[in-house]
């Protein structure tokens, strides 16, 4: 249980830090708001999966869904309720469609890397 909590905390911390680092990099030729959540989610979930070692994919997806709900709620507050949740979700649909599979992939890869490291450590012993 402690590993899972640590994995979630690290996933959120890496997401926040990566977002700040990307914003410091400046503008690029691609729409970063569409790709950025997926790349950040992939990296953060990979770290979380590595720490958790197992059963992290559904938890990473749940955490990612909660983050998106908070984002949509915040955007609705910013627009003073003039935009509906459906409109906000539609506007962010590409970013969501990219990010959810990448978060799942990241969590899975992190788990596999952790298992690989564990099997190498036990083989070396």
Protein backbone atom coordinates (compact mmCIF):
# COMPACT_ATOMS: atom_id res chain seq x y z
CA UNK A 1 0.00 0.00 0.00
CA UNK A 2 2.84 2.39 0.84
CA UNK A 3 4.42 1.72 -2.56
CA UNK A 4 1.16 2.54 -4.31
CA UNK A 5 0.75 5.83 -2.43
CA UNK A 6 4.37 6.75 -3.15
CA UNK A 7 3.84 5.85 -6.83
CA UNK A 8 0.78 8.12 -7.09
CA UNK A 9 2.54 11.00 -5.31
CA UNK A 10 5.58 10.67 -7.57
CA UNK A 11 3.38 10.44 -10.65
CA UNK A 12 1.67 13.73 -9.74
CA UNK A 13 4.94 15.42 -8.77
CA UNK A 14 6.66 14.43 -12.02
CA UNK A 15 3.62 15.62 -14.00
CA UNK A 16 3.74 19.01 -12.32
CA UNK A 17 7.50 19.39 -12.69
CA UNK A 18 7.49 18.29 -16.34
CA UNK A 19 4.70 20.74 -17.15
CA UNK A 20 6.78 23.58 -15.72
CA UNK A 21 9.93 22.48 -17.57
CA UNK A 22 8.06 22.27 -20.87
CA UNK A 23 6.60 25.75 -20.40
CA UNK A 24 10.13 27.10 -19.82
CA UNK A 25 11.28 25.61 -23.12
CA UNK A 26 9.20 28.15 -25.01
CA UNK A 27 6.94 27.85 -28.05
CA UNK A 28 7.28 25.10 -30.62
CA UNK A 29 5.74 24.25 -33.99
CA UNK A 30 3.27 21.74 -32.56
CA UNK A 31 0.23 22.36 -30.41
CA UNK A 32 1.72 21.49 -27.03
CA UNK A 33 -1.63 21.48 -25.24
CA UNK A 34 -2.65 18.46 -27.31
CA UNK A 35 0.51 16.36 -27.00
CA UNK A 36 1.96 17.59 -23.72
CA UNK A 37 -0.48 15.81 -21.35
CA UNK A 38 0.21 12.50 -23.07
CA UNK A 39 3.99 12.79 -22.95
CA UNK A 40 3.97 13.99 -19.36
CA UNK A 41 1.49 11.26 -18.43
CA UNK A 42 3.64 8.62 -20.10
CA UNK A 43 6.75 9.64 -18.17
CA UNK A 44 4.99 10.15 -14.84
CA UNK A 45 3.02 6.90 -15.06
CA UNK A 46 6.17 5.03 -16.05
CA UNK A 47 7.86 6.22 -12.87
CA UNK A 48 4.75 5.38 -10.85
CA UNK A 49 4.56 1.91 -12.39
CA UNK A 50 8.24 1.35 -11.66
CA UNK A 51 7.75 2.28 -8.00
CA UNK A 52 4.45 0.39 -7.58
CA UNK A 53 5.80 -2.71 -9.41
CA UNK A 54 2.34 -4.18 -10.07
CA UNK A 55 -1.34 -3.33 -10.53
CA UNK A 56 -0.63 0.33 -11.29
CA UNK A 57 -2.28 0.72 -14.71
CA UNK A 58 -5.86 1.10 -13.40
CA UNK A 59 -4.71 3.38 -10.60
CA UNK A 60 -2.72 5.56 -13.02
CA UNK A 61 -5.77 5.84 -15.28
CA UNK A 62 -7.99 6.74 -12.33
CA UNK A 63 -5.56 9.40 -11.14
CA UNK A 64 -5.30 10.75 -14.68
CA UNK A 65 -9.10 10.90 -14.99
CA UNK A 66 -9.33 12.81 -11.70
CA UNK A 67 -6.70 15.26 -12.95
CA UNK A 68 -8.70 15.82 -16.13
CA UNK A 69 -11.87 16.38 -14.09
CA UNK A 70 -10.05 18.98 -12.00
CA UNK A 71 -8.78 20.64 -15.18
CA UNK A 72 -12.28 20.79 -16.66
CA UNK A 73 -13.69 22.12 -13.40
CA UNK A 74 -11.00 24.81 -13.26
CA UNK A 75 -11.61 25.80 -16.87
CA UNK A 76 -15.33 26.10 -16.16
CA UNK A 77 -14.55 28.37 -13.19
CA UNK A 78 -12.27 30.51 -15.35
CA UNK A 79 -15.07 31.01 -17.88
CA UNK A 80 -17.52 31.89 -15.08
CA UNK A 81 -19.77 29.02 -16.12
CA UNK A 82 -20.20 30.33 -19.67
CA UNK A 83 -18.78 27.12 -21.13
CA UNK A 84 -20.38 23.79 -20.42
CA UNK A 85 -18.42 20.74 -19.34
CA UNK A 86 -19.36 19.11 -22.64
CA UNK A 87 -17.90 22.04 -24.61
CA UNK A 88 -14.73 22.03 -22.53
CA UNK A 89 -14.34 18.27 -22.88
CA UNK A 90 -14.93 18.50 -26.65
CA UNK A 91 -12.28 21.22 -26.95
CA UNK A 92 -9.81 19.01 -25.05
CA UNK A 93 -10.88 15.73 -26.68
CA UNK A 94 -7.69 15.31 -28.72
CA UNK A 95 -5.48 15.85 -25.67
CA UNK A 96 -7.57 13.35 -23.68
CA UNK A 97 -7.56 10.82 -26.51
CA UNK A 98 -3.78 11.01 -26.69
CA UNK A 99 -3.08 11.11 -22.97
CA UNK A 100 -5.14 8.21 -21.62
CA UNK A 101 -3.51 5.49 -23.75
CA UNK A 102 -0.07 6.96 -23.11
CA UNK A 103 -0.67 6.95 -19.35
CA UNK A 104 -1.71 3.30 -19.51
CA UNK A 105 1.35 2.50 -21.64
CA UNK A 106 3.64 4.38 -19.25
CA UNK A 107 2.28 2.57 -16.20
CA UNK A 108 2.63 -0.79 -17.95
CA UNK A 109 6.19 -0.05 -19.11
CA UNK A 110 7.16 1.09 -15.62
CA UNK A 111 5.87 -2.15 -14.14
CA UNK A 112 7.74 -4.19 -16.74
CA UNK A 113 10.98 -2.26 -16.13
CA UNK A 114 10.61 -2.88 -12.41
CA UNK A 115 10.10 -6.61 -12.99
CA UNK A 116 13.06 -6.72 -15.37
CA UNK A 117 15.26 -4.99 -12.83
CA UNK A 118 14.05 -7.38 -10.13
CA UNK A 119 14.75 -10.45 -12.24
CA UNK A 120 18.23 -9.18 -13.10
CA UNK A 121 18.98 -8.48 -9.45
CA UNK A 122 17.87 -11.96 -8.40
CA UNK A 123 19.82 -13.56 -11.27
CA UNK A 124 22.97 -11.71 -10.20
CA UNK A 125 22.62 -12.91 -6.61
